[in-house]
C-alpha atoms as a PDB file:
ATOM      1  CA  GLN A   1      -0.568  13.350 -13.643  1.00  0.00           C
ATOM      2  CA  VAL A   2      -1.923  10.722 -11.369  1.00  0.00           C
ATOM      3  CA  GLN A   3      -3.643  11.504  -8.012  1.00  0.00           C
ATOM      4  CA  LEU A   4      -3.792   8.911  -5.268  1.00  0.00           C
ATOM      5  CA  VAL A   5      -5.928   9.059  -2.223  1.00  0.00           C
ATOM      6  CA  GLU A   6      -5.696   6.471   0.574  1.00  0.00           C
ATOM      7  CA  SER A   7      -8.285   5.392   3.012  1.00  0.00           C
ATOM      8  CA  GLY A   8      -8.451   3.033   5.889  1.00  0.00           C
ATOM      9  CA  GLY A   9      -5.841   2.634   8.551  1.00  0.00           C
ATOM     10  CA  GLY A  10      -6.221   3.159  12.288  1.00  0.00           C
ATOM     11  CA  SER A  11      -5.328   1.384  15.390  1.00  0.00           C
ATOM     12  CA  VAL A  12      -5.526  -2.392  16.107  1.00  0.00           C
ATOM     13  CA  GLN A  13      -4.129  -4.812  18.579  1.00  0.00           C
ATOM     14  CA  ALA A  14      -1.443  -7.248  17.624  1.00  0.00           C
ATOM     15  CA  GLY A  15      -2.890 -10.191  15.740  1.00  0.00           C
ATOM     16  CA  GLY A  16      -5.636  -8.112  14.243  1.00  0.00           C
ATOM     17  CA  SER A  17      -6.373  -7.044  10.746  1.00  0.00           C
ATOM     18  CA  LEU A  18      -6.768  -3.796   8.754  1.00  0.00           C
ATOM     19  CA  ARG A  19      -7.495  -2.969   5.207  1.00  0.00           C
ATOM     20  CA  LEU A  20      -6.134  -0.013   3.290  1.00  0.00           C
ATOM     21  CA  SER A  21      -7.404   1.249  -0.020  1.00  0.00           C
ATOM     22  CA  CYS A  22      -5.998   3.618  -2.618  1.00  0.00           C
ATOM     23  CA  LYS A  23      -7.996   5.322  -5.352  1.00  0.00           C
ATOM     24  CA  ALA A  24      -6.187   6.557  -8.484  1.00  0.00           C
ATOM     25  CA  SER A  25      -7.468   9.342 -10.711  1.00  0.00           C
ATOM     26  CA  GLY A  26      -6.144  11.397 -13.550  1.00  0.00           C
ATOM     27  CA  ARG A  27      -3.985   9.367 -15.881  1.00  0.00           C
ATOM     28  CA  ALA A  28      -4.773   6.095 -14.069  1.00  0.00           C
ATOM     29  CA  SER A  29      -4.917   4.235 -17.425  1.00  0.00           C
ATOM     30  CA  ALA A  30      -1.140   4.892 -17.801  1.00  0.00           C
ATOM     31  CA  ILE A  31      -0.151   3.259 -14.530  1.00  0.00           C
ATOM     32  CA  TYR A  32       2.335   0.364 -14.898  1.00  0.00           C
ATOM     33  CA  VAL A  33       2.784  -0.672 -11.286  1.00  0.00           C
ATOM     34  CA  MET A  34       1.189   0.455  -8.002  1.00  0.00           C
ATOM     35  CA  GLY A  35       2.723  -0.207  -4.675  1.00  0.00           C
ATOM     36  CA  TRP A  36       2.487   0.222  -0.888  1.00  0.00           C
ATOM     37  CA  PHE A  37       5.301   1.705   1.174  1.00  0.00           C
ATOM     38  CA  ARG A  38       5.625   2.375   4.852  1.00  0.00           C
ATOM     39  CA  GLN A  39       7.678   4.652   7.004  1.00  0.00           C
ATOM     40  CA  ALA A  40       8.099   4.100  10.694  1.00  0.00           C
ATOM     41  CA  PRO A  41       9.186   6.962  12.994  1.00  0.00           C
ATOM     42  CA  GLY A  42      12.891   7.655  12.478  1.00  0.00           C
ATOM     43  CA  LYS A  43      13.234   5.231   9.624  1.00  0.00           C
ATOM     44  CA  GLY A  44      13.212   5.368   5.820  1.00  0.00           C
ATOM     45  CA  ARG A  45      10.374   4.603   3.549  1.00  0.00           C
ATOM     46  CA  ASP A  46      10.348   0.927   2.640  1.00  0.00           C
ATOM     47  CA  LEU A  47       8.443  -0.959  -0.070  1.00  0.00           C
ATOM     48  CA  VAL A  48       5.839  -3.331   1.436  1.00  0.00           C
ATOM     49  CA  GLY A  49       4.745  -4.708  -1.879  1.00  0.00           C
ATOM     50  CA  ASP A  50       3.596  -3.888  -5.328  1.00  0.00           C
ATOM     51  CA  ILE A  51       1.286  -5.123  -8.108  1.00  0.00           C
ATOM     52  CA  THR A  52       1.269  -4.873 -11.859  1.00  0.00           C
ATOM     53  CA  TRP A  53      -1.666  -2.881 -12.975  1.00  0.00           C
ATOM     54  CA  SER A  54      -2.495  -4.856 -16.110  1.00  0.00           C
ATOM     55  CA  GLY A  55      -1.713  -8.477 -14.920  1.00  0.00           C
ATOM     56  CA  GLY A  56      -2.347  -8.143 -11.214  1.00  0.00           C
ATOM     57  CA  VAL A  57       0.903  -9.867 -10.278  1.00  0.00           C
ATOM     58  CA  ALA A  58       1.922  -8.945  -6.697  1.00  0.00           C
ATOM     59  CA  ALA A  59       5.288  -9.103  -4.889  1.00  0.00           C
ATOM     60  CA  TYR A  60       5.972  -8.622  -1.234  1.00  0.00           C
ATOM     61  CA  ALA A  61       8.737  -7.792   1.125  1.00  0.00           C
ATOM     62  CA  ASP A  62       9.974 -10.618   3.204  1.00  0.00           C
ATOM     63  CA  SER A  63       8.660  -9.014   6.404  1.00  0.00           C
ATOM     64  CA  VAL A  64       4.971  -9.091   5.265  1.00  0.00           C
ATOM     65  CA  ARG A  65       4.860 -12.066   2.891  1.00  0.00           C
ATOM     66  CA  GLY A  66       2.108 -14.499   3.946  1.00  0.00           C
ATOM     67  CA  ARG A  67       0.426 -11.782   6.157  1.00  0.00           C
ATOM     68  CA  PHE A  68      -0.364  -9.028   3.705  1.00  0.00           C
ATOM     69  CA  THR A  69      -2.143  -9.281   0.351  1.00  0.00           C
ATOM     70  CA  ILE A  70      -2.259  -6.638  -2.342  1.00  0.00           C
ATOM     71  CA  SER A  71      -5.165  -6.585  -4.821  1.00  0.00           C
ATOM     72  CA  ARG A  72      -6.304  -4.148  -7.425  1.00  0.00           C
ATOM     73  CA  ASP A  73      -9.490  -3.459  -9.385  1.00  0.00           C
ATOM     74  CA  SER A  74      -8.287  -1.766 -12.564  1.00  0.00           C
ATOM     75  CA  ALA A  75     -11.836  -1.065 -13.641  1.00  0.00           C
ATOM     76  CA  LYS A  76     -12.421   1.013 -10.525  1.00  0.00           C
ATOM     77  CA  ASN A  77      -8.823   2.335 -10.361  1.00  0.00           C
ATOM     78  CA  THR A  78      -8.362   1.079  -6.837  1.00  0.00           C
ATOM     79  CA  MET A  79      -5.683  -0.939  -5.024  1.00  0.00           C
ATOM     80  CA  SER A  80      -6.134  -2.502  -1.623  1.00  0.00           C
ATOM     81  CA  LEU A  81      -3.789  -3.838   1.048  1.00  0.00           C
ATOM     82  CA  GLN A  82      -5.186  -6.430   3.373  1.00  0.00           C
ATOM     83  CA  MET A  83      -3.092  -6.745   6.483  1.00  0.00           C
ATOM     84  CA  ASN A  84      -3.554  -9.741   8.739  1.00  0.00           C
ATOM     85  CA  SER A  85      -1.798 -11.025  11.814  1.00  0.00           C
ATOM     86  CA  LEU A  86      -0.480  -7.546  12.433  1.00  0.00           C
ATOM     87  CA  LYS A  87       2.511  -6.995  14.618  1.00  0.00           C
ATOM     88  CA  PRO A  88       3.694  -3.888  16.576  1.00  0.00           C
ATOM     89  CA  GLU A  89       6.575  -3.543  14.205  1.00  0.00           C
ATOM     90  CA  ASP A  90       4.031  -2.936  11.345  1.00  0.00           C
ATOM     91  CA  THR A  91       3.305   0.372  12.950  1.00  0.00           C
ATOM     92  CA  ALA A  92       4.035   3.088  10.399  1.00  0.00           C
ATOM     93  CA  VAL A  93       2.599   5.595   8.031  1.00  0.00           C
ATOM     94  CA  TYR A  94       1.503   3.706   4.875  1.00  0.00           C
ATOM     95  CA  TYR A  95       1.609   5.266   1.474  1.00  0.00           C
ATOM     96  CA  CYS A  96       0.345   4.155  -1.858  1.00  0.00           C
ATOM     97  CA  ALA A  97       2.459   4.979  -4.904  1.00  0.00           C
ATOM     98  CA  ALA A  98       2.289   4.536  -8.656  1.00  0.00           C
ATOM     99  CA  ARG A  99       4.689   4.457 -11.454  1.00  0.00           C
ATOM    100  CA  LEU A 100       4.193   4.862 -15.157  1.00  0.00           C
ATOM    101  CA  GLY A 101       7.727   3.755 -15.914  1.00  0.00           C
ATOM    102  CA  GLY A 102      10.803   2.967 -13.861  1.00  0.00           C
ATOM    103  CA  THR A 103      10.452   5.426 -10.975  1.00  0.00           C
ATOM    104  CA  TRP A 104       7.859   5.882  -8.306  1.00  0.00           C
ATOM    105  CA  GLU A 105       6.518   9.270  -9.445  1.00  0.00           C
ATOM    106  CA  TYR A 106       3.154   9.583  -7.681  1.00  0.00           C
ATOM    107  CA  TRP A 107       2.319   9.342  -3.970  1.00  0.00           C
ATOM    108  CA  GLY A 108      -0.633   9.374  -1.771  1.00  0.00           C
ATOM    109  CA  GLN A 109      -0.826  11.519   1.427  1.00  0.00           C
ATOM    110  CA  GLY A 110      -0.222   8.557   3.744  1.00  0.00           C
ATOM    111  CA  THR A 111      -2.349   6.875   6.398  1.00  0.00           C
ATOM    112  CA  GLN A 112      -1.324   5.946   9.881  1.00  0.00           C
ATOM    113  CA  VAL A 113      -1.455   2.286  11.044  1.00  0.00           C
ATOM    114  CA  THR A 114      -0.736   1.644  14.732  1.00  0.00           C
ATOM    115  CA  VAL A 115      -0.522  -1.852  16.160  1.00  0.00           C
ATOM    116  CA  SER A 116      -0.388  -2.229  19.907  1.00  0.00           C
ATOM    117  CA  SER A 117       0.949  -5.174  21.804  1.00  0.00           C
END
């Protein structure tokens, strides 16, 4: 089992920045990939980006590439999402997730990000 706890989030005006963090515990050493998802009201949960736990290689959705940066500190079992140049359409509940293999098995509780115009 892996437990994930997010922190950060909140409200910001368009163009502003926010930083989210996700702390992993339990079988954190078995994590293969961690990622950030988001879910806007009335919409599905979409992958924002992910990062390989060992190599730290990140990939991003087209909608956030160049504005968001994912990083990880495997020694501290933490992953962060730095969000810059935020837009109202970035408003959503953001979730961190982890997979040990091919499926996203573990999820955080979610944290709200609200961007006002």
